[in-house]
Amino acid sequence: MLRTRKVPSTLPHAGLFAYAAPPNFYRLAGRLVPWCAALAAMAGLAGLAVGFLVAPSDAQQGEAYRIIYLHVPAAWLSMLLYVAMALWAAVGLVYNTRISAIMASALAPTGALFTFLALWTGSLWGKPTWGTWWVWDARLTSELILLFLYIGFMALHASFEDVRRADRAAAILAIVGLINVPIIYFSVRWWNTLHQGASITLTEAPSMATLMLVGLLLMTVAFWAYAAAVTLLRARGIVLERERHADWARSLVEESQ
């Protein structure tokens, strides 16, 4: 019977670079997941309470505006997660680091989920405000393209049996697709669209009531924490799948049996 061994706690690397090693990354991700999940739950409950029960109604849109507490954070995350995915993919492509490619693969499903949520809640918001579920304007169309990019990334990666080749091909697609992110963000400035402009910017004071802003920020924190938790959890699974023949990974399997 093979002897079981714990995951190595240190490697002969310094600082954050130590976590580029799969065993160390696996341990760190395992520690972070519960904290991120707890933060997501607490911030989400608080954000929903403030947004749907405490914040006042909008003077123009009435109660229909409350969909922003789901729609806006999802839209933000859909873009930011794609940027993160493309950056991890680029690092993996340039430096051939395993954890970078794993993080890119782990981010893709969560990014696709938030993109779909942004499109779905946007349709729910558009019906009472615009009178239609969908319009082919620049913001909505470019957001739909973002969903296709996420799906294309996952489909392309799954089409290769060789993981290394899959990582490289998907990384190239992710990097090329980055051009769509600024198009989404600036579309309401560059073209005439039905979609309203940003209510929160870095250069101007928010154009909404304080309680509305608090609820929106709480939901944003909740979505961020949820994305971090599920991405790290998925990354741990990918690490085990790719490192299943390594001694440390086999020892974990034995310990769990």
Protein backbone atom coordinates (compact mmCIF):
# COMPACT_ATOMS: atom_id res chain seq x y z
CA MET A 1 0.00 0.00 0.00
CA LEU A 2 1.34 3.39 -0.95
CA ARG A 3 2.11 5.83 1.83
CA THR A 4 -0.05 8.96 1.86
CA ARG A 5 1.64 12.33 1.80
CA LYS A 6 0.32 15.78 2.47
CA VAL A 7 0.47 18.50 -0.15
CA PRO A 8 3.89 20.16 0.08
CA SER A 9 3.65 23.44 1.94
CA THR A 10 6.71 25.08 0.44
CA LEU A 11 8.72 24.98 -2.74
CA PRO A 12 12.16 26.46 -3.46
CA HIS A 13 10.62 29.64 -4.91
CA ALA A 14 10.15 32.97 -3.19
CA GLY A 15 7.05 35.04 -2.57
CA LEU A 16 3.97 34.83 -4.75
CA PHE A 17 5.82 32.83 -7.40
CA ALA A 18 5.63 29.85 -5.05
CA TYR A 19 1.92 29.64 -5.84
CA ALA A 20 2.66 29.03 -9.51
CA ALA A 21 3.39 25.45 -8.43
CA PRO A 22 0.21 23.33 -8.61
CA PRO A 23 0.46 21.89 -5.05
CA ASN A 24 0.86 25.32 -3.48
CA PHE A 25 -1.86 26.87 -5.62
CA TYR A 26 -4.21 24.04 -4.74
CA ARG A 27 -3.67 24.65 -1.02
CA LEU A 28 -4.07 28.42 -1.31
CA ALA A 29 -7.24 28.14 -3.38
CA GLY A 30 -8.70 25.72 -0.86
CA ARG A 31 -8.16 28.25 1.90
CA LEU A 32 -9.66 31.16 -0.06
CA VAL A 33 -12.82 29.46 -1.33
CA PRO A 34 -14.72 29.38 2.01
CA TRP A 35 -13.89 33.02 2.76
CA CYS A 36 -15.00 34.16 -0.69
CA ALA A 37 -18.18 32.11 -0.46
CA ALA A 38 -19.01 33.55 2.96
CA LEU A 39 -18.40 37.10 1.72
CA ALA A 40 -20.59 36.47 -1.32
CA ALA A 41 -23.44 35.21 0.85
CA MET A 42 -23.28 38.07 3.36
CA ALA A 43 -22.84 40.84 0.79
CA GLY A 44 -25.52 39.30 -1.44
CA LEU A 45 -28.13 39.13 1.31
CA ALA A 46 -27.33 42.68 2.42
CA GLY A 47 -27.36 43.97 -1.15
CA LEU A 48 -30.71 42.36 -1.97
CA ALA A 49 -32.21 43.71 1.25
CA VAL A 50 -31.03 47.25 0.56
CA GLY A 51 -31.82 47.14 -3.15
CA PHE A 52 -35.26 45.56 -3.02
CA LEU A 53 -36.56 46.57 0.41
CA VAL A 54 -34.82 49.77 1.56
CA ALA A 55 -33.76 51.80 -1.49
CA PRO A 56 -36.38 54.24 -2.81
CA SER A 57 -38.20 53.90 -6.11
CA ASP A 58 -36.85 55.62 -9.19
CA ALA A 59 -38.68 58.81 -10.20
CA GLN A 60 -38.88 57.81 -13.87
CA GLN A 61 -38.79 53.99 -13.96
CA GLY A 62 -40.60 53.20 -10.73
CA GLU A 63 -39.96 49.73 -9.34
CA ALA A 64 -38.68 48.37 -12.65
CA TYR A 65 -35.28 49.94 -12.07
CA ARG A 66 -34.50 47.47 -9.25
CA ILE A 67 -33.28 44.96 -11.83
CA ILE A 68 -30.07 47.03 -11.87
CA TYR A 69 -28.97 45.27 -8.66
CA LEU A 70 -28.54 42.14 -10.74
CA HIS A 71 -27.99 43.55 -14.21
CA VAL A 72 -25.26 46.12 -13.59
CA PRO A 73 -22.92 43.95 -11.46
CA ALA A 74 -23.37 41.08 -13.94
CA ALA A 75 -22.51 43.37 -16.86
CA TRP A 76 -19.43 44.70 -15.07
CA LEU A 77 -18.27 41.20 -14.20
CA SER A 78 -18.86 39.92 -17.72
CA MET A 79 -16.29 42.38 -19.06
CA LEU A 80 -13.82 42.28 -16.19
CA LEU A 81 -13.74 38.49 -16.09
CA TYR A 82 -13.04 38.38 -19.80
CA VAL A 83 -10.11 40.76 -19.33
CA ALA A 84 -8.85 38.59 -16.47
CA MET A 85 -9.29 35.44 -18.56
CA ALA A 86 -7.40 36.94 -21.50
CA LEU A 87 -4.58 38.18 -19.25
CA TRP A 88 -4.16 34.78 -17.60
CA ALA A 89 -4.24 33.16 -21.03
CA ALA A 90 -1.60 35.59 -22.32
CA VAL A 91 0.69 34.92 -19.36
CA GLY A 92 0.30 31.19 -19.91
CA LEU A 93 0.99 31.60 -23.62
CA VAL A 94 4.12 33.71 -23.12
CA TYR A 95 5.64 32.06 -20.06
CA ASN A 96 4.15 28.58 -20.46
CA THR A 97 2.92 28.52 -16.86
CA ARG A 98 0.42 25.81 -16.05
CA ILE A 99 -1.54 27.70 -13.40
CA SER A 100 -2.08 30.67 -15.75
CA ALA A 101 -3.72 28.46 -18.36
CA ILE A 102 -5.75 26.72 -15.66
CA MET A 103 -7.03 30.04 -14.32
CA ALA A 104 -8.06 31.12 -17.82
CA SER A 105 -10.01 27.89 -18.30
CA ALA A 106 -11.59 28.22 -14.86
CA LEU A 107 -12.75 31.79 -15.48
CA ALA A 108 -14.50 31.10 -18.78
CA PRO A 109 -17.69 29.38 -17.51
CA THR A 110 -18.22 32.00 -14.80
CA GLY A 111 -17.71 34.81 -17.30
CA ALA A 112 -20.21 33.20 -19.66
CA LEU A 113 -22.70 32.88 -16.80
CA PHE A 114 -22.47 36.57 -15.91
CA THR A 115 -22.70 37.58 -19.57
CA PHE A 116 -25.87 35.54 -19.99
CA LEU A 117 -27.25 37.02 -16.76
CA ALA A 118 -26.50 40.53 -18.00
CA LEU A 119 -28.30 39.87 -21.29
CA TRP A 120 -31.27 38.18 -19.61
CA THR A 121 -31.79 40.85 -16.94
CA GLY A 122 -31.23 43.52 -19.58
CA SER A 123 -34.15 42.07 -21.54
CA LEU A 124 -36.31 42.06 -18.41
CA TRP A 125 -35.40 45.70 -17.87
CA GLY A 126 -35.85 46.64 -21.51
CA LYS A 127 -39.43 45.43 -21.83
CA PRO A 128 -41.03 47.92 -19.39
CA THR A 129 -38.62 50.78 -20.20
CA TRP A 130 -38.13 50.44 -23.97
CA GLY A 131 -41.25 48.46 -24.81
CA THR A 132 -39.27 45.57 -26.31
CA TRP A 133 -37.23 42.62 -25.10
CA TRP A 134 -34.34 43.17 -27.49
CA VAL A 135 -32.89 45.74 -29.86
CA TRP A 136 -29.85 45.32 -32.07
CA ASP A 137 -28.03 48.35 -30.75
CA ALA A 138 -24.28 48.56 -30.19
CA ARG A 139 -24.23 47.78 -26.44
CA LEU A 140 -26.51 44.73 -26.59
CA THR A 141 -24.97 43.34 -29.77
CA SER A 142 -21.40 43.65 -28.49
CA GLU A 143 -22.42 42.04 -25.19
CA LEU A 144 -23.95 39.15 -27.14
CA ILE A 145 -20.67 38.82 -29.05
CA LEU A 146 -18.92 38.59 -25.68
CA LEU A 147 -21.08 35.60 -24.78
CA PHE A 148 -20.12 33.96 -28.08
CA LEU A 149 -16.44 34.62 -27.31
CA TYR A 150 -16.74 32.86 -23.96
CA ILE A 151 -18.52 29.93 -25.56
CA GLY A 152 -15.98 29.86 -28.40
CA PHE A 153 -13.10 29.82 -25.91
CA MET A 154 -14.57 26.82 -24.07
CA ALA A 155 -15.53 25.00 -27.27
CA LEU A 156 -12.12 25.53 -28.87
CA HIS A 157 -10.35 24.35 -25.74
CA ALA A 158 -12.51 21.22 -25.59
CA SER A 159 -11.83 20.39 -29.26
CA PHE A 160 -8.17 19.46 -28.61
CA GLU A 161 -7.07 16.27 -26.91
CA ASP A 162 -3.64 17.74 -26.15
CA VAL A 163 -4.11 20.12 -23.22
CA ARG A 164 -1.07 22.22 -24.13
CA ARG A 165 -2.31 22.80 -27.67
CA ALA A 166 -5.77 23.55 -26.31
CA ASP A 167 -4.35 26.16 -23.94
CA ARG A 168 -2.42 27.88 -26.73
CA ALA A 169 -5.28 27.94 -29.24
CA ALA A 170 -7.82 29.18 -26.70
CA ALA A 171 -5.36 31.81 -25.45
CA ILE A 172 -5.00 33.29 -28.93
CA LEU A 173 -8.78 33.51 -29.29
CA ALA A 174 -9.12 35.15 -25.86
CA ILE A 175 -6.45 37.75 -26.65
CA VAL A 176 -7.98 38.62 -30.02
CA GLY A 177 -11.40 38.89 -28.41
CA LEU A 178 -10.15 41.59 -26.02
CA ILE A 179 -10.93 44.17 -28.68
CA ASN A 180 -14.63 43.64 -27.97
CA VAL A 181 -14.40 44.80 -24.32
CA PRO A 182 -13.71 48.51 -25.01
CA ILE A 183 -16.37 48.38 -27.72
CA ILE A 184 -18.91 47.26 -25.10
CA TYR A 185 -17.83 49.89 -22.59
CA PHE A 186 -17.68 52.87 -24.95
CA SER A 187 -20.55 51.86 -27.23
CA VAL A 188 -23.01 54.27 -25.56
CA ARG A 189 -20.56 57.12 -26.27
CA TRP A 190 -19.53 56.16 -29.78
CA TRP A 191 -22.99 55.36 -31.18
CA ASN A 192 -26.61 56.37 -30.64
CA THR A 193 -28.15 53.60 -28.56
CA LEU A 194 -31.23 53.06 -26.43
CA HIS A 195 -29.02 51.92 -23.58
CA GLN A 196 -28.54 54.58 -20.93
CA GLY A 197 -25.09 55.90 -20.06
CA ALA A 198 -23.11 54.93 -16.98
CA SER A 199 -24.52 56.09 -13.64
CA ILE A 200 -21.17 55.52 -11.90
CA THR A 201 -17.85 56.74 -13.29
CA LEU A 202 -14.41 57.39 -11.86
CA THR A 203 -14.47 61.06 -12.83
CA GLU A 204 -17.95 62.17 -11.74
CA ALA A 205 -20.17 61.84 -8.68
CA PRO A 206 -22.76 59.00 -8.90
CA SER A 207 -26.09 60.11 -10.38
CA MET A 208 -28.19 58.03 -7.99
CA ALA A 209 -29.42 58.12 -4.40
CA THR A 210 -27.03 56.98 -1.70
CA LEU A 211 -29.10 53.93 -0.74
CA MET A 212 -29.30 52.88 -4.38
CA LEU A 213 -25.52 53.17 -4.66
CA VAL A 214 -24.97 51.19 -1.44
CA GLY A 215 -27.18 48.35 -2.65
CA LEU A 216 -25.44 48.32 -6.03
CA LEU A 217 -21.96 48.22 -4.50
CA LEU A 218 -22.96 45.45 -2.07
CA MET A 219 -24.25 43.34 -4.95
CA THR A 220 -21.06 44.04 -6.90
CA VAL A 221 -18.97 42.78 -3.98
CA ALA A 222 -21.22 39.72 -3.73
CA PHE A 223 -20.83 38.94 -7.43
CA TRP A 224 -17.07 39.43 -7.26
CA ALA A 225 -16.75 37.15 -4.24
CA TYR A 226 -18.97 34.51 -5.86
CA ALA A 227 -16.90 34.65 -9.06
CA ALA A 228 -13.70 34.24 -7.06
CA ALA A 229 -15.09 31.31 -5.06
CA VAL A 230 -16.41 29.29 -7.99
CA THR A 231 -13.39 30.07 -10.17
CA LEU A 232 -10.93 28.91 -7.52
CA LEU A 233 -13.05 25.83 -6.83
CA ARG A 234 -13.13 25.00 -10.52
CA ALA A 235 -9.39 25.66 -10.83
CA ARG A 236 -8.72 23.18 -8.03
CA GLY A 237 -10.63 20.56 -9.97
CA ILE A 238 -8.68 21.28 -13.15
CA VAL A 239 -5.40 21.11 -11.22
CA LEU A 240 -6.28 17.68 -9.86
CA GLU A 241 -7.34 16.49 -13.30
CA ARG A 242 -4.12 17.64 -14.95
CA GLU A 243 -1.84 16.58 -12.08
CA ARG A 244 -3.58 13.29 -11.36
CA HIS A 245 -0.39 11.31 -12.02
CA ALA A 246 1.73 13.42 -9.65
CA ASP A 247 2.54 11.94 -6.25
CA TRP A 248 0.95 14.82 -4.29
CA ALA A 249 -2.31 14.55 -6.24
CA ARG A 250 -2.49 10.77 -5.81
CA SER A 251 -1.89 11.18 -2.09
CA LEU A 252 -4.87 13.51 -1.86
CA VAL A 253 -7.08 10.95 -3.55
CA GLU A 254 -5.90 8.26 -1.18
CA GLU A 255 -6.54 10.46 1.85
CA SER A 256 -10.08 11.19 0.70
CA GLN A 257 -10.95 7.50 0.33
